[in-house]
């Protein structure tokens, strides 16, 4: 997955703190990063470890990049 600003290489807790909309996107796919107390997974790994279809992964990538474009 390719995220703008090399965001995929950042810890999910830092990503969500900087871009709360990304937490909402992940939650819409039943990925509970917002409520996770650990939060050290990298964004690029968070999506891949949840066993989503390639189509859903592509949608998440597009939605997150679109969210970043709005800023």
C-alpha atoms as a PDB file:
ATOM      1  CA  UNK A   1       0.000   0.000   0.000  1.00  0.00           C
ATOM      2  CA  UNK A   2       1.172   3.461  -0.841  1.00  0.00           C
ATOM      3  CA  UNK A   3       0.111   6.319   1.381  1.00  0.00           C
ATOM      4  CA  UNK A   4       0.995   9.940   0.817  1.00  0.00           C
ATOM      5  CA  UNK A   5       3.617  11.600   3.018  1.00  0.00           C
ATOM      6  CA  UNK A   6       5.112   8.164   3.824  1.00  0.00           C
ATOM      7  CA  UNK A   7       2.270   7.812   6.316  1.00  0.00           C
ATOM      8  CA  UNK A   8       2.303   4.029   5.992  1.00  0.00           C
ATOM      9  CA  UNK A   9       5.572   3.917   7.929  1.00  0.00           C
ATOM     10  CA  UNK A  10       4.169   5.696  10.975  1.00  0.00           C
ATOM     11  CA  UNK A  11       2.609   4.145  14.070  1.00  0.00           C
ATOM     12  CA  UNK A  12      -1.167   4.073  13.868  1.00  0.00           C
ATOM     13  CA  UNK A  13      -1.618   5.986  17.129  1.00  0.00           C
ATOM     14  CA  UNK A  14       0.434   8.865  15.696  1.00  0.00           C
ATOM     15  CA  UNK A  15      -1.438   8.731  12.392  1.00  0.00           C
ATOM     16  CA  UNK A  16      -4.838   8.896  14.076  1.00  0.00           C
ATOM     17  CA  UNK A  17      -3.699  11.699  16.393  1.00  0.00           C
ATOM     18  CA  UNK A  18      -2.611  13.760  13.390  1.00  0.00           C
ATOM     19  CA  UNK A  19      -5.463  12.703  11.082  1.00  0.00           C
ATOM     20  CA  UNK A  20      -8.575  11.657  13.068  1.00  0.00           C
ATOM     21  CA  UNK A  21     -10.489  11.038   9.843  1.00  0.00           C
ATOM     22  CA  UNK A  22      -8.250   8.052   9.151  1.00  0.00           C
ATOM     23  CA  UNK A  23      -9.488   6.425  12.342  1.00  0.00           C
ATOM     24  CA  UNK A  24     -13.041   6.879  11.103  1.00  0.00           C
ATOM     25  CA  UNK A  25     -12.152   5.296   7.759  1.00  0.00           C
ATOM     26  CA  UNK A  26     -10.582   2.273   9.453  1.00  0.00           C
ATOM     27  CA  UNK A  27     -13.541   1.928  11.822  1.00  0.00           C
ATOM     28  CA  UNK A  28     -15.921   1.827   8.861  1.00  0.00           C
ATOM     29  CA  UNK A  29     -14.132  -1.390   7.821  1.00  0.00           C
ATOM     30  CA  UNK A  30     -14.329  -2.832  11.358  1.00  0.00           C
ATOM     31  CA  UNK A  31     -10.663  -2.110  12.082  1.00  0.00           C
ATOM     32  CA  UNK A  32     -10.608  -0.978  15.705  1.00  0.00           C
ATOM     33  CA  UNK A  33      -7.420   1.067  15.823  1.00  0.00           C
ATOM     34  CA  UNK A  34      -9.106   4.034  17.473  1.00  0.00           C
ATOM     35  CA  UNK A  35      -9.886   2.011  20.592  1.00  0.00           C
ATOM     36  CA  UNK A  36      -6.647  -0.015  20.592  1.00  0.00           C
ATOM     37  CA  UNK A  37      -4.500   0.758  23.629  1.00  0.00           C
ATOM     38  CA  UNK A  38      -1.232  -0.404  22.028  1.00  0.00           C
ATOM     39  CA  UNK A  39      -1.230   1.583  18.780  1.00  0.00           C
ATOM     40  CA  UNK A  40       2.309   0.779  17.645  1.00  0.00           C
ATOM     41  CA  UNK A  41       1.377  -1.036  14.423  1.00  0.00           C
ATOM     42  CA  UNK A  42       2.378   0.758  11.265  1.00  0.00           C
ATOM     43  CA  UNK A  43      -0.485   2.036   9.150  1.00  0.00           C
ATOM     44  CA  UNK A  44       0.609  -0.082   6.172  1.00  0.00           C
ATOM     45  CA  UNK A  45       0.553  -3.215   8.362  1.00  0.00           C
ATOM     46  CA  UNK A  46      -2.742  -2.424  10.074  1.00  0.00           C
ATOM     47  CA  UNK A  47      -4.652  -2.798   6.857  1.00  0.00           C
ATOM     48  CA  UNK A  48      -2.878  -5.939   5.673  1.00  0.00           C
ATOM     49  CA  UNK A  49      -3.154  -7.907   8.939  1.00  0.00           C
ATOM     50  CA  UNK A  50      -6.940  -7.670   9.113  1.00  0.00           C
ATOM     51  CA  UNK A  51      -7.538 -10.126   6.284  1.00  0.00           C
ATOM     52  CA  UNK A  52      -9.513  -7.781   4.074  1.00  0.00           C
ATOM     53  CA  UNK A  53     -10.076  -8.426   0.414  1.00  0.00           C
ATOM     54  CA  UNK A  54      -7.725  -6.758  -2.061  1.00  0.00           C
ATOM     55  CA  UNK A  55     -10.673  -4.625  -3.148  1.00  0.00           C
ATOM     56  CA  UNK A  56     -11.299  -3.375   0.389  1.00  0.00           C
ATOM     57  CA  UNK A  57      -7.579  -2.723   0.871  1.00  0.00           C
ATOM     58  CA  UNK A  58      -7.591  -0.654  -2.325  1.00  0.00           C
ATOM     59  CA  UNK A  59     -10.671   1.264  -1.141  1.00  0.00           C
ATOM     60  CA  UNK A  60      -9.058   2.021   2.217  1.00  0.00           C
ATOM     61  CA  UNK A  61      -5.878   3.194   0.521  1.00  0.00           C
ATOM     62  CA  UNK A  62      -7.866   5.482  -1.789  1.00  0.00           C
ATOM     63  CA  UNK A  63     -10.016   6.850   1.051  1.00  0.00           C
ATOM     64  CA  UNK A  64      -7.010   7.574   3.257  1.00  0.00           C
ATOM     65  CA  UNK A  65      -5.141   9.293   0.435  1.00  0.00           C
ATOM     66  CA  UNK A  66      -8.252  11.336  -0.363  1.00  0.00           C
ATOM     67  CA  UNK A  67      -8.464  12.300   3.328  1.00  0.00           C
ATOM     68  CA  UNK A  68      -4.849  13.491   3.160  1.00  0.00           C
ATOM     69  CA  UNK A  69      -5.599  15.538   0.037  1.00  0.00           C
ATOM     70  CA  UNK A  70      -8.246  17.490   1.976  1.00  0.00           C
ATOM     71  CA  UNK A  71      -5.648  18.820   4.415  1.00  0.00           C
END
